[in-house]
PDB file of N, CA and C in Angstrom:
ATOM      1  N   UNK A   1       1.260  20.054 -13.101  1.00  0.00           N
ATOM      2  CA  UNK A   1       1.259  19.437 -11.792  1.00  0.00           C
ATOM      3  C   UNK A   1       1.525  18.217 -11.688  1.00  0.00           C
ATOM      4  N   UNK A   2       2.313  17.653 -10.792  1.00  0.00           N
ATOM      5  CA  UNK A   2       2.353  16.444 -10.713  1.00  0.00           C
ATOM      6  C   UNK A   2       2.766  16.020  -9.090  1.00  0.00           C
ATOM      7  N   UNK A   3       2.606  14.738  -8.743  1.00  0.00           N
ATOM      8  CA  UNK A   3       2.736  14.830  -7.427  1.00  0.00           C
ATOM      9  C   UNK A   3       2.926  12.798  -7.367  1.00  0.00           C
ATOM     10  N   UNK A   4       3.897  12.520  -6.406  1.00  0.00           N
ATOM     11  CA  UNK A   4       4.445  11.267  -6.459  1.00  0.00           C
ATOM     12  C   UNK A   4       4.583  10.840  -5.110  1.00  0.00           C
ATOM     13  N   UNK A   5       4.484   9.658  -4.572  1.00  0.00           N
ATOM     14  CA  UNK A   5       4.585   9.282  -3.090  1.00  0.00           C
ATOM     15  C   UNK A   5       5.371   7.882  -3.425  1.00  0.00           C
ATOM     16  N   UNK A   6       6.384   7.650  -2.335  1.00  0.00           N
ATOM     17  CA  UNK A   6       7.145   6.770  -2.108  1.00  0.00           C
ATOM     18  C   UNK A   6       6.968   5.897  -0.807  1.00  0.00           C
ATOM     19  N   UNK A   7       6.429   4.461  -0.827  1.00  0.00           N
ATOM     20  CA  UNK A   7       6.246   4.014   0.527  1.00  0.00           C
ATOM     21  C   UNK A   7       7.050   2.722   0.593  1.00  0.00           C
ATOM     22  N   UNK A   8       7.901   2.639   1.703  1.00  0.00           N
ATOM     23  CA  UNK A   8       8.551   1.465   1.965  1.00  0.00           C
ATOM     24  C   UNK A   8       7.751   0.697   3.324  1.00  0.00           C
ATOM     25  N   UNK A   9       7.227  -0.422   3.029  1.00  0.00           N
ATOM     26  CA  UNK A   9       6.403  -1.038   3.914  1.00  0.00           C
ATOM     27  C   UNK A   9       6.264  -2.321   3.759  1.00  0.00           C
ATOM     28  N   UNK A  10       5.677  -3.185   4.431  1.00  0.00           N
ATOM     29  CA  UNK A  10       5.207  -4.886   4.590  1.00  0.00           C
ATOM     30  C   UNK A  10       3.757  -5.074   3.751  1.00  0.00           C
ATOM     31  N   UNK A  11       4.015  -5.805   2.909  1.00  0.00           N
ATOM     32  CA  UNK A  11       2.762  -6.392   1.910  1.00  0.00           C
ATOM     33  C   UNK A  11       1.823  -7.078   3.046  1.00  0.00           C
ATOM     34  N   UNK A  12       0.846  -6.414   3.432  1.00  0.00           N
ATOM     35  CA  UNK A  12      -0.215  -6.945   4.353  1.00  0.00           C
ATOM     36  C   UNK A  12      -1.416  -8.179   3.950  1.00  0.00           C
ATOM     37  N   UNK A  13      -1.374  -8.544   2.576  1.00  0.00           N
ATOM     38  CA  UNK A  13      -2.087  -9.848   2.082  1.00  0.00           C
ATOM     39  C   UNK A  13      -1.386 -10.137   0.849  1.00  0.00           C
ATOM     40  N   UNK A  14      -1.464 -11.268   0.153  1.00  0.00           N
ATOM     41  CA  UNK A  14      -0.804 -11.465  -1.064  1.00  0.00           C
ATOM     42  C   UNK A  14      -1.504 -10.828  -2.134  1.00  0.00           C
ATOM     43  N   UNK A  15      -1.101 -10.390  -3.253  1.00  0.00           N
ATOM     44  CA  UNK A  15      -2.075  -9.725  -4.013  1.00  0.00           C
ATOM     45  C   UNK A  15      -2.629 -10.766  -4.758  1.00  0.00           C
ATOM     46  N   UNK A  16      -4.105 -10.575  -5.269  1.00  0.00           N
ATOM     47  CA  UNK A  16      -5.027 -11.801  -6.033  1.00  0.00           C
ATOM     48  C   UNK A  16      -5.052 -11.233  -7.406  1.00  0.00           C
ATOM     49  N   UNK A  17      -4.964 -12.008  -8.586  1.00  0.00           N
ATOM     50  CA  UNK A  17      -5.298 -11.503  -9.669  1.00  0.00           C
ATOM     51  C   UNK A  17      -6.672 -11.204 -10.075  1.00  0.00           C
ATOM     52  N   UNK A  18      -7.069  -9.955 -10.851  1.00  0.00           N
ATOM     53  CA  UNK A  18      -8.235  -9.721 -11.119  1.00  0.00           C
ATOM     54  C   UNK A  18      -8.213  -8.896 -12.809  1.00  0.00           C
ATOM     55  N   UNK A  19      -9.181  -8.881 -13.306  1.00  0.00           N
ATOM     56  CA  UNK A  19      -8.950  -8.263 -14.747  1.00  0.00           C
ATOM     57  C   UNK A  19     -10.173  -7.179 -15.015  1.00  0.00           C
ATOM     58  N   UNK A  20      -9.718  -6.451 -15.583  1.00  0.00           N
ATOM     59  CA  UNK A  20     -10.803  -5.123 -15.930  1.00  0.00           C
ATOM     60  C   UNK A  20     -11.718  -5.685 -16.914  1.00  0.00           C
ATOM     61  N   UNK A  21     -12.787  -5.024 -17.455  1.00  0.00           N
ATOM     62  CA  UNK A  21     -13.819  -5.692 -18.281  1.00  0.00           C
ATOM     63  C   UNK A  21     -13.130  -5.750 -19.879  1.00  0.00           C
ATOM     64  N   UNK A  22     -12.118  -5.058 -19.856  1.00  0.00           N
ATOM     65  CA  UNK A  22     -11.613  -5.005 -20.895  1.00  0.00           C
ATOM     66  C   UNK A  22     -10.337  -6.379 -21.237  1.00  0.00           C
ATOM     67  N   UNK A  23     -10.012  -6.931 -19.885  1.00  0.00           N
ATOM     68  CA  UNK A  23      -9.187  -8.221 -20.210  1.00  0.00           C
ATOM     69  C   UNK A  23      -7.745  -7.599 -19.302  1.00  0.00           C
ATOM     70  N   UNK A  24      -7.564  -6.420 -18.996  1.00  0.00           N
ATOM     71  CA  UNK A  24      -6.477  -5.859 -18.582  1.00  0.00           C
ATOM     72  C   UNK A  24      -6.211  -6.403 -17.045  1.00  0.00           C
ATOM     73  N   UNK A  25      -4.817  -7.445 -16.868  1.00  0.00           N
ATOM     74  CA  UNK A  25      -4.458  -7.817 -15.542  1.00  0.00           C
ATOM     75  C   UNK A  25      -4.678  -6.457 -14.744  1.00  0.00           C
ATOM     76  N   UNK A  26      -5.292  -6.746 -13.540  1.00  0.00           N
ATOM     77  CA  UNK A  26      -5.233  -5.837 -12.219  1.00  0.00           C
ATOM     78  C   UNK A  26      -5.081  -6.473 -11.135  1.00  0.00           C
ATOM     79  N   UNK A  27      -4.313  -5.822 -10.114  1.00  0.00           N
ATOM     80  CA  UNK A  27      -4.386  -6.424  -8.503  1.00  0.00           C
ATOM     81  C   UNK A  27      -4.406  -5.327  -7.495  1.00  0.00           C
ATOM     82  N   UNK A  28      -4.896  -5.347  -6.404  1.00  0.00           N
ATOM     83  CA  UNK A  28      -4.492  -4.540  -5.270  1.00  0.00           C
ATOM     84  C   UNK A  28      -4.470  -5.295  -4.018  1.00  0.00           C
ATOM     85  N   UNK A  29      -3.565  -4.536  -3.078  1.00  0.00           N
ATOM     86  CA  UNK A  29      -3.218  -5.035  -2.055  1.00  0.00           C
ATOM     87  C   UNK A  29      -2.517  -4.125  -0.869  1.00  0.00           C
ATOM     88  N   UNK A  30      -2.877  -4.273   0.082  1.00  0.00           N
ATOM     89  CA  UNK A  30      -2.675  -3.576   1.299  1.00  0.00           C
ATOM     90  C   UNK A  30      -0.767  -3.641   1.566  1.00  0.00           C
ATOM     91  N   UNK A  31      -0.333  -2.069   1.934  1.00  0.00           N
ATOM     92  CA  UNK A  31       0.855  -2.278   2.639  1.00  0.00           C
ATOM     93  C   UNK A  31       0.732  -1.610   3.628  1.00  0.00           C
ATOM     94  N   UNK A  32       1.452  -1.782   4.652  1.00  0.00           N
ATOM     95  CA  UNK A  32       1.512  -0.987   6.083  1.00  0.00           C
ATOM     96  C   UNK A  32       3.051  -0.483   6.120  1.00  0.00           C
ATOM     97  N   UNK A  33       3.161   0.512   6.765  1.00  0.00           N
ATOM     98  CA  UNK A  33       4.228   1.151   7.186  1.00  0.00           C
ATOM     99  C   UNK A  33       4.260   1.602   8.628  1.00  0.00           C
ATOM    100  N   UNK A  34       5.365   1.589   9.079  1.00  0.00           N
ATOM    101  CA  UNK A  34       5.715   1.415  10.746  1.00  0.00           C
ATOM    102  C   UNK A  34       6.876   2.673  11.186  1.00  0.00           C
ATOM    103  N   UNK A  35       6.336   3.258  12.109  1.00  0.00           N
ATOM    104  CA  UNK A  35       7.238   4.586  12.538  1.00  0.00           C
ATOM    105  C   UNK A  35       7.020   4.079  14.131  1.00  0.00           C
ATOM    106  N   UNK A  36       8.221   4.069  14.654  1.00  0.00           N
ATOM    107  CA  UNK A  36       8.238   3.941  16.239  1.00  0.00           C
ATOM    108  C   UNK A  36       9.127   5.049  16.941  1.00  0.00           C
ATOM    109  N   UNK A  37       8.793   5.435  17.899  1.00  0.00           N
ATOM    110  CA  UNK A  37       9.732   6.423  18.405  1.00  0.00           C
ATOM    111  C   UNK A  37       9.472   6.359  20.182  1.00  0.00           C
ATOM    112  N   UNK A  38      10.428   7.330  20.970  1.00  0.00           N
ATOM    113  CA  UNK A  38      10.635   7.376  22.246  1.00  0.00           C
ATOM    114  C   UNK A  38      10.047   8.733  22.747  1.00  0.00           C
ATOM    115  N   UNK A  39       8.907   8.817  23.527  1.00  0.00           N
ATOM    116  CA  UNK A  39       8.680  10.065  24.017  1.00  0.00           C
ATOM    117  C   UNK A  39       9.304  10.535  25.029  1.00  0.00           C
ATOM    118  N   UNK A  40       9.112  11.962  25.056  1.00  0.00           N
ATOM    119  CA  UNK A  40      10.303  12.689  26.121  1.00  0.00           C
ATOM    120  C   UNK A  40      10.118  11.779  27.457  1.00  0.00           C
ATOM    121  N   UNK A  41       9.205  11.074  28.003  1.00  0.00           N
ATOM    122  CA  UNK A  41       8.733  10.567  29.060  1.00  0.00           C
ATOM    123  C   UNK A  41       9.395   9.020  28.962  1.00  0.00           C
ATOM    124  N   UNK A  42      10.306   8.747  27.542  1.00  0.00           N
ATOM    125  CA  UNK A  42      10.632   7.606  27.810  1.00  0.00           C
ATOM    126  C   UNK A  42       9.805   6.384  27.274  1.00  0.00           C
ATOM    127  N   UNK A  43       8.665   6.652  26.904  1.00  0.00           N
ATOM    128  CA  UNK A  43       7.594   5.602  26.408  1.00  0.00           C
ATOM    129  C   UNK A  43       7.990   5.378  24.931  1.00  0.00           C
ATOM    130  N   UNK A  44       7.827   4.138  24.698  1.00  0.00           N
ATOM    131  CA  UNK A  44       7.831   3.784  23.316  1.00  0.00           C
ATOM    132  C   UNK A  44       6.154   3.951  22.657  1.00  0.00           C
ATOM    133  N   UNK A  45       6.498   4.690  21.582  1.00  0.00           N
ATOM    134  CA  UNK A  45       5.173   4.719  20.638  1.00  0.00           C
ATOM    135  C   UNK A  45       5.476   4.000  19.218  1.00  0.00           C
ATOM    136  N   UNK A  46       4.242   3.706  18.671  1.00  0.00           N
ATOM    137  CA  UNK A  46       4.220   3.426  17.662  1.00  0.00           C
ATOM    138  C   UNK A  46       3.091   3.741  16.575  1.00  0.00           C
ATOM    139  N   UNK A  47       3.065   3.687  15.343  1.00  0.00           N
ATOM    140  CA  UNK A  47       2.143   4.265  14.444  1.00  0.00           C
ATOM    141  C   UNK A  47       2.334   3.582  13.136  1.00  0.00           C
ATOM    142  N   UNK A  48       1.084   2.515  12.782  1.00  0.00           N
ATOM    143  CA  UNK A  48       0.877   2.067  11.630  1.00  0.00           C
ATOM    144  C   UNK A  48       0.041   2.820  10.812  1.00  0.00           C
ATOM    145  N   UNK A  49       0.156   2.997   9.743  1.00  0.00           N
ATOM    146  CA  UNK A  49      -0.260   3.545   8.138  1.00  0.00           C
ATOM    147  C   UNK A  49      -0.689   2.538   7.437  1.00  0.00           C
ATOM    148  N   UNK A  50      -1.898   2.294   7.014  1.00  0.00           N
ATOM    149  CA  UNK A  50      -2.283   1.359   6.010  1.00  0.00           C
ATOM    150  C   UNK A  50      -2.497   2.029   4.636  1.00  0.00           C
ATOM    151  N   UNK A  51      -1.956   1.419   3.247  1.00  0.00           N
ATOM    152  CA  UNK A  51      -2.136   1.864   2.128  1.00  0.00           C
ATOM    153  C   UNK A  51      -2.846   0.732   1.132  1.00  0.00           C
ATOM    154  N   UNK A  52      -3.624   1.213   0.419  1.00  0.00           N
ATOM    155  CA  UNK A  52      -3.881   0.238  -0.508  1.00  0.00           C
ATOM    156  C   UNK A  52      -3.572   0.702  -2.119  1.00  0.00           C
ATOM    157  N   UNK A  53      -3.032  -0.291  -2.074  1.00  0.00           N
ATOM    158  CA  UNK A  53      -1.919  -0.022  -3.559  1.00  0.00           C
ATOM    159  C   UNK A  53      -2.647  -0.879  -4.946  1.00  0.00           C
ATOM    160  N   UNK A  54      -2.955  -0.485  -5.735  1.00  0.00           N
ATOM    161  CA  UNK A  54      -3.497  -0.913  -7.063  1.00  0.00           C
ATOM    162  C   UNK A  54      -2.514  -0.666  -8.093  1.00  0.00           C
ATOM    163  N   UNK A  55      -2.378  -1.968  -8.984  1.00  0.00           N
ATOM    164  CA  UNK A  55      -1.501  -1.935 -10.369  1.00  0.00           C
ATOM    165  C   UNK A  55      -2.206  -2.717 -11.540  1.00  0.00           C
ATOM    166  N   UNK A  56      -1.772  -2.072 -12.398  1.00  0.00           N
ATOM    167  CA  UNK A  56      -2.538  -2.552 -13.692  1.00  0.00           C
ATOM    168  C   UNK A  56      -1.331  -3.167 -14.748  1.00  0.00           C
ATOM    169  N   UNK A  57      -1.817  -3.987 -15.481  1.00  0.00           N
ATOM    170  CA  UNK A  57      -1.111  -4.404 -16.755  1.00  0.00           C
ATOM    171  C   UNK A  57       0.102  -5.446 -16.273  1.00  0.00           C
ATOM    172  N   UNK A  58       1.005  -5.070 -16.759  1.00  0.00           N
ATOM    173  CA  UNK A  58       2.263  -6.263 -16.570  1.00  0.00           C
ATOM    174  C   UNK A  58       2.445  -5.636 -14.963  1.00  0.00           C
ATOM    175  N   UNK A  59       2.764  -4.669 -14.691  1.00  0.00           N
ATOM    176  CA  UNK A  59       2.997  -4.547 -13.154  1.00  0.00           C
ATOM    177  C   UNK A  59       2.093  -5.426 -12.059  1.00  0.00           C
ATOM    178  N   UNK A  60       0.743  -5.259 -12.415  1.00  0.00           N
ATOM    179  CA  UNK A  60       0.053  -5.999 -11.925  1.00  0.00           C
ATOM    180  C   UNK A  60       0.278  -7.761 -11.769  1.00  0.00           C
ATOM    181  N   UNK A  61       0.734  -8.066 -13.097  1.00  0.00           N
ATOM    182  CA  UNK A  61       1.442  -9.269 -13.162  1.00  0.00           C
ATOM    183  C   UNK A  61       2.763  -9.860 -12.615  1.00  0.00           C
ATOM    184  N   UNK A  62       3.605  -8.849 -12.140  1.00  0.00           N
ATOM    185  CA  UNK A  62       4.529  -9.055 -11.743  1.00  0.00           C
ATOM    186  C   UNK A  62       4.404  -8.999 -10.339  1.00  0.00           C
ATOM    187  N   UNK A  63       3.501  -7.977  -9.587  1.00  0.00           N
ATOM    188  CA  UNK A  63       3.106  -7.985  -8.007  1.00  0.00           C
ATOM    189  C   UNK A  63       2.647  -9.181  -7.951  1.00  0.00           C
ATOM    190  N   UNK A  64       1.863  -9.804  -8.777  1.00  0.00           N
ATOM    191  CA  UNK A  64       0.963 -11.027  -8.445  1.00  0.00           C
ATOM    192  C   UNK A  64       1.828 -12.037  -8.402  1.00  0.00           C
ATOM    193  N   UNK A  65       2.803 -12.301  -9.264  1.00  0.00           N
ATOM    194  CA  UNK A  65       3.920 -13.384  -9.167  1.00  0.00           C
ATOM    195  C   UNK A  65       4.920 -13.186  -8.154  1.00  0.00           C
ATOM    196  N   UNK A  66       5.354 -11.913  -7.542  1.00  0.00           N
ATOM    197  CA  UNK A  66       6.503 -12.103  -6.705  1.00  0.00           C
ATOM    198  C   UNK A  66       6.139 -11.688  -5.419  1.00  0.00           C
ATOM    199  N   UNK A  67       5.076 -11.052  -5.014  1.00  0.00           N
ATOM    200  CA  UNK A  67       4.965 -10.748  -3.966  1.00  0.00           C
ATOM    201  C   UNK A  67       3.709 -11.475  -3.142  1.00  0.00           C
ATOM    202  N   UNK A  68       4.092 -11.628  -1.724  1.00  0.00           N
ATOM    203  CA  UNK A  68       3.141 -12.310  -0.455  1.00  0.00           C
ATOM    204  C   UNK A  68       3.222 -11.508   0.696  1.00  0.00           C
ATOM    205  N   UNK A  69       2.316 -12.185   1.367  1.00  0.00           N
ATOM    206  CA  UNK A  69       1.976 -11.441   2.372  1.00  0.00           C
ATOM    207  C   UNK A  69       3.425 -11.408   3.434  1.00  0.00           C
ATOM    208  N   UNK A  70       3.707 -10.484   4.192  1.00  0.00           N
ATOM    209  CA  UNK A  70       4.837 -10.343   4.867  1.00  0.00           C
ATOM    210  C   UNK A  70       6.210  -9.885   4.203  1.00  0.00           C
ATOM    211  N   UNK A  71       5.959  -9.501   2.797  1.00  0.00           N
ATOM    212  CA  UNK A  71       7.221  -9.171   1.777  1.00  0.00           C
ATOM    213  C   UNK A  71       7.310  -7.624   2.321  1.00  0.00           C
ATOM    214  N   UNK A  72       8.600  -7.255   2.290  1.00  0.00           N
ATOM    215  CA  UNK A  72       9.053  -5.856   2.239  1.00  0.00           C
ATOM    216  C   UNK A  72       8.982  -5.483   0.726  1.00  0.00           C
ATOM    217  N   UNK A  73       8.468  -4.382   0.941  1.00  0.00           N
ATOM    218  CA  UNK A  73       8.097  -3.724  -0.819  1.00  0.00           C
ATOM    219  C   UNK A  73       8.404  -2.236  -0.485  1.00  0.00           C
ATOM    220  N   UNK A  74       8.776  -1.618  -2.003  1.00  0.00           N
ATOM    221  CA  UNK A  74       9.059  -0.176  -2.225  1.00  0.00           C
ATOM    222  C   UNK A  74       7.803  -0.057  -3.092  1.00  0.00           C
ATOM    223  N   UNK A  75       6.948   1.203  -3.059  1.00  0.00           N
ATOM    224  CA  UNK A  75       5.966   1.392  -3.928  1.00  0.00           C
ATOM    225  C   UNK A  75       6.290   2.468  -4.488  1.00  0.00           C
ATOM    226  N   UNK A  76       6.186   2.998  -5.498  1.00  0.00           N
ATOM    227  CA  UNK A  76       6.390   4.508  -6.269  1.00  0.00           C
ATOM    228  C   UNK A  76       4.926   4.630  -6.881  1.00  0.00           C
ATOM    229  N   UNK A  77       4.401   5.615  -6.487  1.00  0.00           N
ATOM    230  CA  UNK A  77       2.748   6.055  -7.411  1.00  0.00           C
ATOM    231  C   UNK A  77       2.239   7.357  -7.258  1.00  0.00           C
ATOM    232  N   UNK A  78       1.039   7.226  -7.559  1.00  0.00           N
ATOM    233  CA  UNK A  78       0.611   8.538  -7.117  1.00  0.00           C
ATOM    234  C   UNK A  78      -0.593   8.082  -6.046  1.00  0.00           C
ATOM    235  N   UNK A  79      -0.773   9.604  -5.464  1.00  0.00           N
ATOM    236  CA  UNK A  79      -2.184   9.036  -4.354  1.00  0.00           C
ATOM    237  C   UNK A  79      -3.338   9.706  -5.191  1.00  0.00           C
ATOM    238  N   UNK A  80      -4.238   8.484  -4.907  1.00  0.00           N
ATOM    239  CA  UNK A  80      -5.597   8.805  -5.450  1.00  0.00           C
ATOM    240  C   UNK A  80      -6.534   9.807  -4.022  1.00  0.00           C
ATOM    241  N   UNK A  81      -7.645  10.307  -4.597  1.00  0.00           N
ATOM    242  CA  UNK A  81      -8.213  10.716  -3.192  1.00  0.00           C
ATOM    243  C   UNK A  81      -8.310   9.865  -2.123  1.00  0.00           C
ATOM    244  N   UNK A  82      -8.277  10.286  -1.088  1.00  0.00           N
ATOM    245  CA  UNK A  82      -8.407   9.785   0.285  1.00  0.00           C
ATOM    246  C   UNK A  82      -9.726   9.665   0.659  1.00  0.00           C
ATOM    247  N   UNK A  83     -10.381   8.573   0.940  1.00  0.00           N
ATOM    248  CA  UNK A  83     -11.799   8.371   1.494  1.00  0.00           C
ATOM    249  C   UNK A  83     -11.978   8.058   2.871  1.00  0.00           C
ATOM    250  N   UNK A  84     -12.917   9.091   3.673  1.00  0.00           N
ATOM    251  CA  UNK A  84     -12.770   8.672   4.870  1.00  0.00           C
ATOM    252  C   UNK A  84     -14.255   7.918   5.248  1.00  0.00           C
ATOM    253  N   UNK A  85     -13.876   7.363   6.476  1.00  0.00           N
ATOM    254  CA  UNK A  85     -15.133   6.623   6.942  1.00  0.00           C
ATOM    255  C   UNK A  85     -15.183   6.570   8.502  1.00  0.00           C
ATOM    256  N   UNK A  86     -15.841   6.025   9.192  1.00  0.00           N
ATOM    257  CA  UNK A  86     -16.110   6.123  10.638  1.00  0.00           C
ATOM    258  C   UNK A  86     -15.779   4.602  10.761  1.00  0.00           C
ATOM    259  N   UNK A  87     -14.824   4.053  11.987  1.00  0.00           N
ATOM    260  CA  UNK A  87     -15.185   2.628  12.520  1.00  0.00           C
ATOM    261  C   UNK A  87     -14.863   2.984  14.113  1.00  0.00           C
ATOM    262  N   UNK A  88     -15.582   2.258  14.639  1.00  0.00           N
ATOM    263  CA  UNK A  88     -15.729   2.068  16.080  1.00  0.00           C
ATOM    264  C   UNK A  88     -15.716   3.888  16.712  1.00  0.00           C
ATOM    265  N   UNK A  89     -16.032   4.362  16.212  1.00  0.00           N
ATOM    266  CA  UNK A  89     -16.379   5.885  16.943  1.00  0.00           C
ATOM    267  C   UNK A  89     -15.501   6.875  16.392  1.00  0.00           C
ATOM    268  N   UNK A  90     -14.227   6.159  15.452  1.00  0.00           N
ATOM    269  CA  UNK A  90     -13.336   7.088  15.255  1.00  0.00           C
ATOM    270  C   UNK A  90     -13.433   7.056  13.604  1.00  0.00           C
ATOM    271  N   UNK A  91     -12.687   8.306  13.351  1.00  0.00           N
ATOM    272  CA  UNK A  91     -12.356   8.390  12.070  1.00  0.00           C
ATOM    273  C   UNK A  91     -11.289   7.940  11.281  1.00  0.00           C
ATOM    274  N   UNK A  92     -11.599   7.333  10.144  1.00  0.00           N
ATOM    275  CA  UNK A  92     -10.447   6.539   9.548  1.00  0.00           C
ATOM    276  C   UNK A  92     -10.379   7.098   8.246  1.00  0.00           C
ATOM    277  N   UNK A  93      -9.405   6.828   7.361  1.00  0.00           N
ATOM    278  CA  UNK A  93      -8.901   6.870   6.013  1.00  0.00           C
ATOM    279  C   UNK A  93      -8.629   6.051   5.234  1.00  0.00           C
ATOM    280  N   UNK A  94      -9.067   5.698   3.882  1.00  0.00           N
ATOM    281  CA  UNK A  94      -8.457   4.858   3.212  1.00  0.00           C
ATOM    282  C   UNK A  94      -7.678   5.673   2.216  1.00  0.00           C
ATOM    283  N   UNK A  95      -6.307   5.339   2.029  1.00  0.00           N
ATOM    284  CA  UNK A  95      -5.232   5.891   1.307  1.00  0.00           C
ATOM    285  C   UNK A  95      -4.824   4.955  -0.055  1.00  0.00           C
ATOM    286  N   UNK A  96      -5.438   5.498  -0.594  1.00  0.00           N
ATOM    287  CA  UNK A  96      -4.991   4.623  -2.340  1.00  0.00           C
ATOM    288  C   UNK A  96      -3.893   5.243  -2.637  1.00  0.00           C
ATOM    289  N   UNK A  97      -3.117   4.416  -3.319  1.00  0.00           N
ATOM    290  CA  UNK A  97      -2.020   4.476  -4.161  1.00  0.00           C
ATOM    291  C   UNK A  97      -2.006   3.839  -5.695  1.00  0.00           C
ATOM    292  N   UNK A  98      -2.098   4.632  -6.655  1.00  0.00           N
ATOM    293  CA  UNK A  98      -1.775   3.808  -7.828  1.00  0.00           C
ATOM    294  C   UNK A  98      -0.152   3.815  -8.124  1.00  0.00           C
ATOM    295  N   UNK A  99       0.001   2.265  -8.104  1.00  0.00           N
ATOM    296  CA  UNK A  99       1.524   2.013  -8.285  1.00  0.00           C
ATOM    297  C   UNK A  99       2.128   2.241  -9.659  1.00  0.00           C
ATOM    298  N   UNK A 100       3.276   2.935  -9.803  1.00  0.00           N
ATOM    299  CA  UNK A 100       3.949   2.928 -11.211  1.00  0.00           C
ATOM    300  C   UNK A 100       5.381   2.204 -11.277  1.00  0.00           C
ATOM    301  N   UNK A 101       5.733   1.914  -9.902  1.00  0.00           N
ATOM    302  CA  UNK A 101       7.007   1.161  -9.461  1.00  0.00           C
ATOM    303  C   UNK A 101       6.952   0.442  -8.456  1.00  0.00           C
ATOM    304  N   UNK A 102       6.769  -1.068  -8.581  1.00  0.00           N
ATOM    305  CA  UNK A 102       6.881  -2.035  -7.497  1.00  0.00           C
ATOM    306  C   UNK A 102       8.216  -2.793  -7.192  1.00  0.00           C
ATOM    307  N   UNK A 103       9.033  -2.536  -6.151  1.00  0.00           N
ATOM    308  CA  UNK A 103      10.042  -3.636  -5.879  1.00  0.00           C
ATOM    309  C   UNK A 103      10.051  -4.043  -4.700  1.00  0.00           C
ATOM    310  N   UNK A 104      10.440  -5.585  -4.888  1.00  0.00           N
ATOM    311  CA  UNK A 104      10.662  -6.507  -3.671  1.00  0.00           C
ATOM    312  C   UNK A 104      11.897  -6.082  -2.773  1.00  0.00           C
ATOM    313  N   UNK A 105      11.700  -5.935  -1.526  1.00  0.00           N
ATOM    314  CA  UNK A 105      12.937  -5.733  -0.892  1.00  0.00           C
ATOM    315  C   UNK A 105      13.380  -6.962   0.001  1.00  0.00           C
ATOM    316  N   UNK A 106      14.233  -7.891  -0.751  1.00  0.00           N
ATOM    317  CA  UNK A 106      14.330  -8.930   0.419  1.00  0.00           C
ATOM    318  C   UNK A 106      15.789  -9.061   1.113  1.00  0.00           C
TER     319      UNK A 106
END
């Protein structure tokens, strides 16, 4: 079995460098996607979806070097297990993506 997700969105925070215990470069950063539409009543609606993107090795180094908050980005990768939590009485989910491809869209 195989699954892949493609996200086109905006970097929510500049990626910061980290290392694994074995010294492998790593980073993670939020990406937000936005969907806008008009309801049948003519009202404008908007939905934001946040993803946490993780990258390792050379891909992490590239993300750290070239991405900053506010950049448009394309990410291809695999979804990790979603984790749920409660915030202000609402169910929320953390959607994690392990990146295989990161492209800056400028």
